[in-house]
Structure formats: C-alpha cells, structure tokens
Amino acid sequence: MTPTVSRIAQVEVFRVDLPVIKTFVFASGSAGTAGATAPHVFVKVTDDEGRAGWGEA
C-alpha cells in the first residue's frame, strides 16, 4: 500500500461574535460579561479530495 499525501486546497476563516450567557468566574478574576458578546474565530481547512476539518480559537 502506497501512502498518499493530501494537499490543502482551501482555508476559510469565520469571525463571529457569540453571546455571553453567563460571566465565567475563576480564582484570579472573570471572563466575559453576561449579555455581551465575545469574539471567536472558526477555521475550516479543506483538502484536495474534499475532506474538511474545523478549528476554533
């Protein structure tokens, strides 16, 4: 069996503002404000055979 190498054909970046439902509180402070939005980035990478994978930041 000969291994094949996939090649990246497309990278798409989606920036979205997601609603903050509840302020997240931890020992050294808090993150987000309930009722506000928080920026997120989703990345979709598609290879030359149409297979896709997603990532989030």
PDB file of N, CA and C in Angstrom:
ATOM      1  N   MET A   1       0.845  -1.180   0.000  1.00  0.00           N
ATOM      2  CA  MET A   1       0.000   0.000   0.000  1.00  0.00           C
ATOM      3  C   MET A   1       0.889   1.241   0.000  1.00  0.00           C
ATOM      4  N   THR A   2       0.660   2.107  -0.939  1.00  0.00           N
ATOM      5  CA  THR A   2       1.437   3.339  -1.053  1.00  0.00           C
ATOM      6  C   THR A   2       0.712   4.470  -0.337  1.00  0.00           C
ATOM      7  N   PRO A   3       1.395   5.125   0.610  1.00  0.00           N
ATOM      8  CA  PRO A   3       0.735   6.248   1.294  1.00  0.00           C
ATOM      9  C   PRO A   3       0.522   7.421   0.345  1.00  0.00           C
ATOM     10  N   THR A   4      -0.545   8.141   0.570  1.00  0.00           N
ATOM     11  CA  THR A   4      -0.821   9.322  -0.239  1.00  0.00           C
ATOM     12  C   THR A   4      -0.741  10.562   0.643  1.00  0.00           C
ATOM     13  N   VAL A   5      -0.482  11.673   0.020  1.00  0.00           N
ATOM     14  CA  VAL A   5      -0.383  12.937   0.737  1.00  0.00           C
ATOM     15  C   VAL A   5      -1.526  13.835   0.290  1.00  0.00           C
ATOM     16  N   SER A   6      -2.288  14.311   1.250  1.00  0.00           N
ATOM     17  CA  SER A   6      -3.344  15.271   0.930  1.00  0.00           C
ATOM     18  C   SER A   6      -2.740  16.657   0.863  1.00  0.00           C
ATOM     19  N   ARG A   7      -3.294  17.467   0.020  1.00  0.00           N
ATOM     20  CA  ARG A   7      -2.841  18.852  -0.100  1.00  0.00           C
ATOM     21  C   ARG A   7      -3.977  19.777   0.309  1.00  0.00           C
ATOM     22  N   ILE A   8      -3.623  20.834   1.012  1.00  0.00           N
ATOM     23  CA  ILE A   8      -4.624  21.813   1.411  1.00  0.00           C
ATOM     24  C   ILE A   8      -5.087  22.559   0.168  1.00  0.00           C
ATOM     25  N   ALA A   9      -6.399  22.548  -0.050  1.00  0.00           N
ATOM     26  CA  ALA A   9      -6.971  23.218  -1.214  1.00  0.00           C
ATOM     27  C   ALA A   9      -7.589  24.559  -0.841  1.00  0.00           C
ATOM     28  N   GLN A  10      -8.096  24.660   0.401  1.00  0.00           N
ATOM     29  CA  GLN A  10      -8.792  25.886   0.782  1.00  0.00           C
ATOM     30  C   GLN A  10      -8.754  26.059   2.297  1.00  0.00           C
ATOM     31  N   VAL A  11      -8.584  27.298   2.723  1.00  0.00           N
ATOM     32  CA  VAL A  11      -8.677  27.663   4.137  1.00  0.00           C
ATOM     33  C   VAL A  11      -9.677  28.807   4.237  1.00  0.00           C
ATOM     34  N   GLU A  12     -10.696  28.619   5.070  1.00  0.00           N
ATOM     35  CA  GLU A  12     -11.703  29.661   5.274  1.00  0.00           C
ATOM     36  C   GLU A  12     -11.690  30.074   6.742  1.00  0.00           C
ATOM     37  N   VAL A  13     -11.770  31.372   6.985  1.00  0.00           N
ATOM     38  CA  VAL A  13     -11.774  31.906   8.344  1.00  0.00           C
ATOM     39  C   VAL A  13     -13.094  32.627   8.576  1.00  0.00           C
ATOM     40  N   PHE A  14     -13.746  32.289   9.684  1.00  0.00           N
ATOM     41  CA  PHE A  14     -15.028  32.887  10.034  1.00  0.00           C
ATOM     42  C   PHE A  14     -14.898  33.553  11.398  1.00  0.00           C
ATOM     43  N   ARG A  15     -15.066  34.867  11.443  1.00  0.00           N
ATOM     44  CA  ARG A  15     -15.048  35.588  12.717  1.00  0.00           C
ATOM     45  C   ARG A  15     -16.494  35.846  13.109  1.00  0.00           C
ATOM     46  N   VAL A  16     -16.850  35.401  14.309  1.00  0.00           N
ATOM     47  CA  VAL A  16     -18.217  35.575  14.791  1.00  0.00           C
ATOM     48  C   VAL A  16     -18.204  36.106  16.221  1.00  0.00           C
ATOM     49  N   ASP A  17     -19.228  36.852  16.565  1.00  0.00           N
ATOM     50  CA  ASP A  17     -19.419  37.315  17.932  1.00  0.00           C
ATOM     51  C   ASP A  17     -20.499  36.450  18.567  1.00  0.00           C
ATOM     52  N   LEU A  18     -20.110  35.665  19.560  1.00  0.00           N
ATOM     53  CA  LEU A  18     -21.053  34.775  20.231  1.00  0.00           C
ATOM     54  C   LEU A  18     -21.571  35.425  21.506  1.00  0.00           C
ATOM     55  N   PRO A  19     -22.842  35.228  21.815  1.00  0.00           N
ATOM     56  CA  PRO A  19     -23.392  35.835  23.028  1.00  0.00           C
ATOM     57  C   PRO A  19     -22.818  35.184  24.288  1.00  0.00           C
ATOM     58  N   VAL A  20     -22.558  36.004  25.288  1.00  0.00           N
ATOM     59  CA  VAL A  20     -22.119  35.503  26.590  1.00  0.00           C
ATOM     60  C   VAL A  20     -23.375  35.327  27.441  1.00  0.00           C
ATOM     61  N   ILE A  21     -23.664  34.103  27.814  1.00  0.00           N
ATOM     62  CA  ILE A  21     -24.865  33.798  28.585  1.00  0.00           C
ATOM     63  C   ILE A  21     -24.645  34.103  30.070  1.00  0.00           C
ATOM     64  N   LYS A  22     -23.470  33.729  30.569  1.00  0.00           N
ATOM     65  CA  LYS A  22     -23.175  33.899  31.984  1.00  0.00           C
ATOM     66  C   LYS A  22     -21.697  34.250  32.134  1.00  0.00           C
ATOM     67  N   THR A  23     -21.379  35.209  32.997  1.00  0.00           N
ATOM     68  CA  THR A  23     -19.990  35.573  33.265  1.00  0.00           C
ATOM     69  C   THR A  23     -19.282  34.376  33.890  1.00  0.00           C
ATOM     70  N   PHE A  24     -18.090  34.049  33.355  1.00  0.00           N
ATOM     71  CA  PHE A  24     -17.302  32.934  33.869  1.00  0.00           C
ATOM     72  C   PHE A  24     -16.354  33.477  34.932  1.00  0.00           C
ATOM     73  N   VAL A  25     -16.473  32.980  36.148  1.00  0.00           N
ATOM     74  CA  VAL A  25     -15.657  33.462  37.264  1.00  0.00           C
ATOM     75  C   VAL A  25     -14.672  32.367  37.662  1.00  0.00           C
ATOM     76  N   PHE A  26     -13.410  32.754  37.838  1.00  0.00           N
ATOM     77  CA  PHE A  26     -12.384  31.827  38.301  1.00  0.00           C
ATOM     78  C   PHE A  26     -11.560  32.522  39.383  1.00  0.00           C
ATOM     79  N   ALA A  27     -10.585  31.837  39.966  1.00  0.00           N
ATOM     80  CA  ALA A  27      -9.862  32.323  41.146  1.00  0.00           C
ATOM     81  C   ALA A  27      -9.233  33.702  40.965  1.00  0.00           C
ATOM     82  N   SER A  28      -8.688  33.984  39.795  1.00  0.00           N
ATOM     83  CA  SER A  28      -7.963  35.248  39.613  1.00  0.00           C
ATOM     84  C   SER A  28      -8.786  36.331  38.912  1.00  0.00           C
ATOM     85  N   GLY A  29     -10.070  36.097  38.710  1.00  0.00           N
ATOM     86  CA  GLY A  29     -10.887  37.126  38.061  1.00  0.00           C
ATOM     87  C   GLY A  29     -12.080  36.534  37.351  1.00  0.00           C
ATOM     88  N   SER A  30     -12.462  37.162  36.244  1.00  0.00           N
ATOM     89  CA  SER A  30     -13.611  36.679  35.483  1.00  0.00           C
ATOM     90  C   SER A  30     -13.379  36.923  33.996  1.00  0.00           C
ATOM     91  N   ALA A  31     -14.196  36.267  33.194  1.00  0.00           N
ATOM     92  CA  ALA A  31     -14.096  36.415  31.744  1.00  0.00           C
ATOM     93  C   ALA A  31     -15.489  36.588  31.171  1.00  0.00           C
ATOM     94  N   GLY A  32     -15.628  37.556  30.293  1.00  0.00           N
ATOM     95  CA  GLY A  32     -16.917  37.786  29.653  1.00  0.00           C
ATOM     96  C   GLY A  32     -17.885  38.500  30.571  1.00  0.00           C
ATOM     97  N   THR A  33     -18.822  39.162  29.973  1.00  0.00           N
ATOM     98  CA  THR A  33     -19.873  39.853  30.712  1.00  0.00           C
ATOM     99  C   THR A  33     -21.211  39.353  30.200  1.00  0.00           C
ATOM    100  N   ALA A  34     -22.017  38.828  31.104  1.00  0.00           N
ATOM    101  CA  ALA A  34     -23.330  38.311  30.710  1.00  0.00           C
ATOM    102  C   ALA A  34     -24.091  39.373  29.927  1.00  0.00           C
ATOM    103  N   GLY A  35     -24.657  38.976  28.796  1.00  0.00           N
ATOM    104  CA  GLY A  35     -25.404  39.890  27.943  1.00  0.00           C
ATOM    105  C   GLY A  35     -24.567  40.529  26.847  1.00  0.00           C
ATOM    106  N   ALA A  36     -23.248  40.433  26.951  1.00  0.00           N
ATOM    107  CA  ALA A  36     -22.355  40.981  25.923  1.00  0.00           C
ATOM    108  C   ALA A  36     -22.059  39.890  24.890  1.00  0.00           C
ATOM    109  N   THR A  37     -21.149  40.176  23.985  1.00  0.00           N
ATOM    110  CA  THR A  37     -20.700  39.170  23.026  1.00  0.00           C
ATOM    111  C   THR A  37     -19.199  38.979  23.169  1.00  0.00           C
ATOM    112  N   ALA A  38     -18.723  37.826  22.727  1.00  0.00           N
ATOM    113  CA  ALA A  38     -17.299  37.507  22.774  1.00  0.00           C
ATOM    114  C   ALA A  38     -16.846  37.095  21.377  1.00  0.00           C
ATOM    115  N   PRO A  39     -15.740  37.652  20.886  1.00  0.00           N
ATOM    116  CA  PRO A  39     -15.270  37.300  19.548  1.00  0.00           C
ATOM    117  C   PRO A  39     -14.674  35.888  19.519  1.00  0.00           C
ATOM    118  N   HIS A  40     -14.996  35.148  18.486  1.00  0.00           N
ATOM    119  CA  HIS A  40     -14.442  33.818  18.256  1.00  0.00           C
ATOM    120  C   HIS A  40     -14.028  33.720  16.794  1.00  0.00           C
ATOM    121  N   VAL A  41     -13.106  32.822  16.525  1.00  0.00           N
ATOM    122  CA  VAL A  41     -12.670  32.563  15.154  1.00  0.00           C
ATOM    123  C   VAL A  41     -12.795  31.062  14.894  1.00  0.00           C
ATOM    124  N   PHE A  42     -13.454  30.723  13.808  1.00  0.00           N
ATOM    125  CA  PHE A  42     -13.541  29.343  13.353  1.00  0.00           C
ATOM    126  C   PHE A  42     -12.770  29.242  12.040  1.00  0.00           C
ATOM    127  N   VAL A  43     -12.031  28.150  11.873  1.00  0.00           N
ATOM    128  CA  VAL A  43     -11.244  27.943  10.658  1.00  0.00           C
ATOM    129  C   VAL A  43     -11.634  26.596  10.056  1.00  0.00           C
ATOM    130  N   LYS A  44     -11.914  26.619   8.768  1.00  0.00           N
ATOM    131  CA  LYS A  44     -12.231  25.387   8.038  1.00  0.00           C
ATOM    132  C   LYS A  44     -11.124  25.152   7.020  1.00  0.00           C
ATOM    133  N   VAL A  45     -10.510  23.973   7.096  1.00  0.00           N
ATOM    134  CA  VAL A  45      -9.446  23.601   6.158  1.00  0.00           C
ATOM    135  C   VAL A  45      -9.959  22.429   5.325  1.00  0.00           C
ATOM    136  N   THR A  46      -9.913  22.577   4.009  1.00  0.00           N
ATOM    137  CA  THR A  46     -10.396  21.545   3.092  1.00  0.00           C
ATOM    138  C   THR A  46      -9.235  21.065   2.235  1.00  0.00           C
ATOM    139  N   ASP A  47      -9.120  19.731   2.098  1.00  0.00           N
ATOM    140  CA  ASP A  47      -8.037  19.209   1.264  1.00  0.00           C
ATOM    141  C   ASP A  47      -8.496  19.035  -0.182  1.00  0.00           C
ATOM    142  N   ASP A  48      -7.579  18.591  -1.021  1.00  0.00           N
ATOM    143  CA  ASP A  48      -7.859  18.481  -2.452  1.00  0.00           C
ATOM    144  C   ASP A  48      -8.832  17.356  -2.802  1.00  0.00           C
ATOM    145  N   GLU A  49      -9.198  16.537  -1.805  1.00  0.00           N
ATOM    146  CA  GLU A  49     -10.186  15.484  -2.037  1.00  0.00           C
ATOM    147  C   GLU A  49     -11.536  15.821  -1.404  1.00  0.00           C
ATOM    148  N   GLY A  50     -11.661  17.041  -0.885  1.00  0.00           N
ATOM    149  CA  GLY A  50     -12.933  17.491  -0.336  1.00  0.00           C
ATOM    150  C   GLY A  50     -13.150  17.221   1.141  1.00  0.00           C
ATOM    151  N   ARG A  51     -12.179  16.595   1.803  1.00  0.00           N
ATOM    152  CA  ARG A  51     -12.312  16.354   3.242  1.00  0.00           C
ATOM    153  C   ARG A  51     -12.043  17.651   3.985  1.00  0.00           C
ATOM    154  N   ALA A  52     -12.827  17.896   5.031  1.00  0.00           N
ATOM    155  CA  ALA A  52     -12.696  19.162   5.760  1.00  0.00           C
ATOM    156  C   ALA A  52     -12.522  18.918   7.251  1.00  0.00           C
ATOM    157  N   GLY A  53     -11.811  19.843   7.872  1.00  0.00           N
ATOM    158  CA  GLY A  53     -11.643  19.836   9.319  1.00  0.00           C
ATOM    159  C   GLY A  53     -11.856  21.244   9.836  1.00  0.00           C
ATOM    160  N   TRP A  54     -12.314  21.350  11.077  1.00  0.00           N
ATOM    161  CA  TRP A  54     -12.619  22.646  11.684  1.00  0.00           C
ATOM    162  C   TRP A  54     -11.761  22.861  12.915  1.00  0.00           C
ATOM    163  N   GLY A  55     -11.441  24.125  13.167  1.00  0.00           N
ATOM    164  CA  GLY A  55     -10.738  24.509  14.383  1.00  0.00           C
ATOM    165  C   GLY A  55     -11.383  25.757  14.945  1.00  0.00           C
ATOM    166  N   GLU A  56     -11.130  26.007  16.222  1.00  0.00           N
ATOM    167  CA  GLU A  56     -11.723  27.162  16.900  1.00  0.00           C
ATOM    168  C   GLU A  56     -10.661  27.848  17.737  1.00  0.00           C
ATOM    169  N   ALA A  57     -10.744  29.162  17.790  1.00  0.00           N
ATOM    170  CA  ALA A  57      -9.840  29.930  18.652  1.00  0.00           C
ATOM    171  C   ALA A  57     -10.642  30.980  19.381  1.00  0.00           C
TER     172      ALA A  57
END
